[in-house]
Amino acid sequence: MPNYLLRDRDKIFGGVFQRRVKSLGIEEVMSAHRSPWQNGYLERLNGSIRRECTDHIIVWNESHLKKVLRGYFDYYNNDRTHLGIEEE
């Protein structure tokens, strides 16, 4: 379980979400107001997941989404070409 959740100030994260996170013992850390550049790595990852994976499928339920994302993360971390990494 993570200790922190870094998130922006989007209205989608309402009271129910905030109470659930708090009940799990996770501390929310919010980025500054109108500063998407503070989450650059996360924005890049979310965009990659959306463009390369979830925009091309219909998700039936939570277990289906988890299966699809596990497959994508396996591909992303192990099979995809990493052009910026020099292998020895």
N, C-alpha and C. Protein backbone atom coordinates (compact mmCIF):
# COMPACT_ATOMS: atom_id res chain seq x y z
N MET A 1 0.85 -1.18 0.00
CA MET A 1 0.00 0.00 0.00
C MET A 1 0.89 1.23 0.00
N PRO A 2 0.62 2.19 -0.87
CA PRO A 2 1.44 3.41 -0.90
C PRO A 2 1.18 4.29 0.31
N ASN A 3 2.16 5.11 0.65
CA ASN A 3 2.01 6.06 1.75
C ASN A 3 1.40 7.37 1.29
N TYR A 4 1.65 7.73 0.02
CA TYR A 4 1.22 9.01 -0.51
C TYR A 4 0.51 8.83 -1.84
N LEU A 5 -0.41 9.75 -2.12
CA LEU A 5 -1.07 9.82 -3.42
C LEU A 5 -0.89 11.23 -3.94
N LEU A 6 -0.11 11.38 -4.98
CA LEU A 6 0.09 12.68 -5.60
C LEU A 6 -1.00 12.86 -6.64
N ARG A 7 -1.77 13.93 -6.51
CA ARG A 7 -2.88 14.16 -7.43
C ARG A 7 -3.05 15.64 -7.69
N ASP A 8 -3.80 15.94 -8.75
CA ASP A 8 -4.11 17.33 -9.03
C ASP A 8 -5.41 17.71 -8.33
N ARG A 9 -5.89 18.88 -8.60
CA ARG A 9 -7.08 19.38 -7.91
C ARG A 9 -8.35 19.23 -8.74
N ASP A 10 -8.39 18.22 -9.58
CA ASP A 10 -9.55 17.97 -10.43
C ASP A 10 -10.78 17.69 -9.57
N LYS A 11 -11.94 18.20 -10.00
CA LYS A 11 -13.18 18.03 -9.25
C LYS A 11 -13.64 16.58 -9.22
N ILE A 12 -13.07 15.73 -10.06
CA ILE A 12 -13.45 14.32 -10.06
C ILE A 12 -13.10 13.64 -8.74
N PHE A 13 -12.12 14.18 -8.03
CA PHE A 13 -11.72 13.64 -6.74
C PHE A 13 -12.57 14.28 -5.65
N GLY A 14 -13.80 13.84 -5.53
CA GLY A 14 -14.75 14.41 -4.58
C GLY A 14 -14.58 13.87 -3.18
N GLY A 15 -15.55 14.16 -2.34
CA GLY A 15 -15.50 13.77 -0.94
C GLY A 15 -15.45 12.27 -0.73
N VAL A 16 -16.19 11.51 -1.54
CA VAL A 16 -16.18 10.05 -1.39
C VAL A 16 -14.78 9.52 -1.65
N PHE A 17 -14.13 10.00 -2.71
CA PHE A 17 -12.77 9.57 -3.03
C PHE A 17 -11.81 9.93 -1.91
N GLN A 18 -11.91 11.16 -1.43
CA GLN A 18 -11.01 11.62 -0.38
C GLN A 18 -11.18 10.84 0.91
N ARG A 19 -12.41 10.52 1.27
CA ARG A 19 -12.65 9.71 2.48
C ARG A 19 -12.09 8.31 2.31
N ARG A 20 -12.24 7.73 1.12
CA ARG A 20 -11.74 6.38 0.88
C ARG A 20 -10.23 6.35 1.00
N VAL A 21 -9.56 7.32 0.41
CA VAL A 21 -8.10 7.38 0.47
C VAL A 21 -7.64 7.54 1.92
N LYS A 22 -8.31 8.40 2.65
CA LYS A 22 -7.95 8.62 4.06
C LYS A 22 -8.18 7.35 4.88
N SER A 23 -9.27 6.62 4.60
CA SER A 23 -9.55 5.40 5.35
C SER A 23 -8.51 4.31 5.10
N LEU A 24 -7.83 4.39 3.96
CA LEU A 24 -6.78 3.43 3.63
C LEU A 24 -5.43 3.83 4.24
N GLY A 25 -5.41 4.99 4.91
CA GLY A 25 -4.17 5.45 5.54
C GLY A 25 -3.19 6.07 4.56
N ILE A 26 -3.70 6.55 3.43
CA ILE A 26 -2.86 7.17 2.40
C ILE A 26 -2.98 8.68 2.52
N GLU A 27 -1.86 9.35 2.54
CA GLU A 27 -1.85 10.81 2.63
C GLU A 27 -1.92 11.40 1.22
N GLU A 28 -2.87 12.30 1.00
CA GLU A 28 -2.98 12.96 -0.30
C GLU A 28 -2.03 14.16 -0.35
N VAL A 29 -1.31 14.26 -1.44
CA VAL A 29 -0.45 15.41 -1.70
C VAL A 29 -0.93 16.00 -3.02
N MET A 30 -1.40 17.24 -2.96
CA MET A 30 -1.96 17.86 -4.16
C MET A 30 -0.96 18.82 -4.80
N SER A 31 -0.97 18.83 -6.12
CA SER A 31 -0.12 19.77 -6.85
C SER A 31 -0.69 21.18 -6.69
N ALA A 32 0.13 22.15 -7.00
CA ALA A 32 -0.30 23.54 -6.90
C ALA A 32 -1.43 23.80 -7.89
N HIS A 33 -2.24 24.77 -7.59
CA HIS A 33 -3.37 25.14 -8.43
C HIS A 33 -2.91 25.54 -9.83
N ARG A 34 -3.53 24.95 -10.85
CA ARG A 34 -3.24 25.23 -12.26
C ARG A 34 -1.78 25.01 -12.62
N SER A 35 -1.22 23.90 -12.17
CA SER A 35 0.18 23.58 -12.43
C SER A 35 0.35 22.15 -12.91
N PRO A 36 -0.16 21.82 -14.12
CA PRO A 36 -0.04 20.44 -14.60
C PRO A 36 1.41 20.01 -14.82
N TRP A 37 2.31 20.96 -15.00
CA TRP A 37 3.72 20.64 -15.22
C TRP A 37 4.34 19.98 -14.00
N GLN A 38 3.72 20.11 -12.81
CA GLN A 38 4.27 19.47 -11.62
C GLN A 38 4.12 17.96 -11.66
N ASN A 39 3.23 17.47 -12.49
CA ASN A 39 3.00 16.03 -12.60
C ASN A 39 3.46 15.51 -13.96
N GLY A 40 4.55 16.00 -14.46
CA GLY A 40 5.00 15.66 -15.81
C GLY A 40 5.14 14.17 -16.06
N TYR A 41 5.77 13.45 -15.15
CA TYR A 41 5.95 12.01 -15.33
C TYR A 41 4.62 11.28 -15.34
N LEU A 42 3.76 11.66 -14.40
CA LEU A 42 2.45 11.03 -14.31
C LEU A 42 1.60 11.36 -15.53
N GLU A 43 1.64 12.61 -15.98
CA GLU A 43 0.88 13.00 -17.17
C GLU A 43 1.35 12.19 -18.38
N ARG A 44 2.65 11.99 -18.51
CA ARG A 44 3.21 11.21 -19.62
C ARG A 44 2.73 9.75 -19.54
N LEU A 45 2.80 9.15 -18.36
CA LEU A 45 2.38 7.77 -18.20
C LEU A 45 0.89 7.61 -18.49
N ASN A 46 0.06 8.49 -17.92
CA ASN A 46 -1.37 8.41 -18.17
C ASN A 46 -1.69 8.57 -19.65
N GLY A 47 -1.02 9.49 -20.32
CA GLY A 47 -1.23 9.69 -21.74
C GLY A 47 -0.83 8.46 -22.54
N SER A 48 0.30 7.85 -22.18
CA SER A 48 0.74 6.63 -22.88
C SER A 48 -0.26 5.50 -22.70
N ILE A 49 -0.72 5.32 -21.48
CA ILE A 49 -1.70 4.26 -21.22
C ILE A 49 -2.96 4.50 -22.02
N ARG A 50 -3.42 5.73 -22.03
CA ARG A 50 -4.65 6.05 -22.77
C ARG A 50 -4.46 5.87 -24.27
N ARG A 51 -3.42 6.48 -24.84
CA ARG A 51 -3.22 6.44 -26.29
C ARG A 51 -2.90 5.05 -26.81
N GLU A 52 -2.06 4.31 -26.09
CA GLU A 52 -1.57 3.03 -26.59
C GLU A 52 -2.40 1.83 -26.14
N CYS A 53 -3.28 2.03 -25.16
CA CYS A 53 -3.98 0.87 -24.60
C CYS A 53 -5.49 1.08 -24.52
N THR A 54 -5.94 1.91 -23.59
CA THR A 54 -7.37 1.96 -23.30
C THR A 54 -8.22 2.63 -24.37
N ASP A 55 -7.63 3.45 -25.24
CA ASP A 55 -8.42 4.04 -26.33
C ASP A 55 -8.80 3.02 -27.38
N HIS A 56 -8.20 1.84 -27.34
CA HIS A 56 -8.41 0.83 -28.39
C HIS A 56 -9.24 -0.35 -27.93
N ILE A 57 -9.79 -0.30 -26.73
CA ILE A 57 -10.57 -1.42 -26.22
C ILE A 57 -11.85 -0.93 -25.56
N ILE A 58 -12.77 -1.84 -25.34
CA ILE A 58 -13.94 -1.59 -24.52
C ILE A 58 -13.74 -2.37 -23.23
N VAL A 59 -13.75 -1.66 -22.11
CA VAL A 59 -13.54 -2.30 -20.81
C VAL A 59 -14.88 -2.81 -20.30
N TRP A 60 -14.94 -4.08 -19.99
CA TRP A 60 -16.20 -4.69 -19.54
C TRP A 60 -16.41 -4.56 -18.05
N ASN A 61 -15.35 -4.72 -17.28
CA ASN A 61 -15.47 -4.63 -15.82
C ASN A 61 -14.08 -4.42 -15.23
N GLU A 62 -14.02 -4.33 -13.91
CA GLU A 62 -12.75 -4.05 -13.24
C GLU A 62 -11.71 -5.15 -13.48
N SER A 63 -12.13 -6.40 -13.41
CA SER A 63 -11.17 -7.49 -13.60
C SER A 63 -10.63 -7.49 -15.03
N HIS A 64 -11.46 -7.15 -16.00
CA HIS A 64 -11.00 -7.06 -17.38
C HIS A 64 -9.98 -5.93 -17.53
N LEU A 65 -10.27 -4.78 -16.91
CA LEU A 65 -9.34 -3.65 -16.98
C LEU A 65 -8.00 -4.02 -16.35
N LYS A 66 -8.02 -4.70 -15.19
CA LYS A 66 -6.78 -5.10 -14.54
C LYS A 66 -5.97 -6.04 -15.42
N LYS A 67 -6.64 -6.98 -16.08
CA LYS A 67 -5.96 -7.91 -16.97
C LYS A 67 -5.31 -7.18 -18.14
N VAL A 68 -6.06 -6.27 -18.74
CA VAL A 68 -5.53 -5.49 -19.87
C VAL A 68 -4.33 -4.65 -19.43
N LEU A 69 -4.45 -3.98 -18.28
CA LEU A 69 -3.36 -3.12 -17.80
C LEU A 69 -2.13 -3.93 -17.41
N ARG A 70 -2.31 -5.12 -16.81
CA ARG A 70 -1.16 -5.98 -16.51
C ARG A 70 -0.41 -6.33 -17.78
N GLY A 71 -1.15 -6.70 -18.82
CA GLY A 71 -0.52 -7.02 -20.10
C GLY A 71 0.20 -5.82 -20.69
N TYR A 72 -0.43 -4.65 -20.60
CA TYR A 72 0.20 -3.45 -21.14
C TYR A 72 1.46 -3.10 -20.36
N PHE A 73 1.41 -3.17 -19.02
CA PHE A 73 2.59 -2.84 -18.22
C PHE A 73 3.73 -3.82 -18.48
N ASP A 74 3.40 -5.08 -18.68
CA ASP A 74 4.42 -6.07 -19.02
C ASP A 74 5.08 -5.70 -20.35
N TYR A 75 4.26 -5.35 -21.33
CA TYR A 75 4.79 -4.92 -22.63
C TYR A 75 5.62 -3.64 -22.47
N TYR A 76 5.07 -2.66 -21.75
CA TYR A 76 5.71 -1.35 -21.61
C TYR A 76 7.08 -1.47 -20.95
N ASN A 77 7.19 -2.31 -19.93
CA ASN A 77 8.43 -2.42 -19.17
C ASN A 77 9.42 -3.44 -19.72
N ASN A 78 8.96 -4.42 -20.49
CA ASN A 78 9.85 -5.50 -20.90
C ASN A 78 10.06 -5.65 -22.40
N ASP A 79 9.04 -5.44 -23.20
CA ASP A 79 9.15 -5.75 -24.63
C ASP A 79 9.32 -4.54 -25.53
N ARG A 80 8.80 -3.42 -25.15
CA ARG A 80 8.82 -2.22 -25.98
C ARG A 80 10.27 -1.74 -26.14
N THR A 81 10.56 -1.18 -27.29
CA THR A 81 11.93 -0.67 -27.50
C THR A 81 12.14 0.59 -26.67
N HIS A 82 13.25 0.62 -25.98
CA HIS A 82 13.64 1.77 -25.17
C HIS A 82 14.80 2.45 -25.91
N LEU A 83 14.45 3.34 -26.80
CA LEU A 83 15.47 3.94 -27.67
C LEU A 83 16.45 4.82 -26.90
N GLY A 84 16.06 5.32 -25.74
CA GLY A 84 16.96 6.19 -24.98
C GLY A 84 17.90 5.43 -24.05
N ILE A 85 17.77 4.12 -23.97
CA ILE A 85 18.60 3.33 -23.07
C ILE A 85 19.63 2.54 -23.86
N GLU A 86 20.87 2.74 -23.54
CA GLU A 86 21.92 1.98 -24.22
C GLU A 86 22.13 0.65 -23.50
N GLU A 87 22.04 -0.42 -24.23
CA GLU A 87 22.28 -1.74 -23.64
C GLU A 87 23.72 -2.15 -23.89
N GLU A 88 24.30 -2.80 -22.92
CA GLU A 88 25.70 -3.22 -23.03
C GLU A 88 25.79 -4.66 -23.48
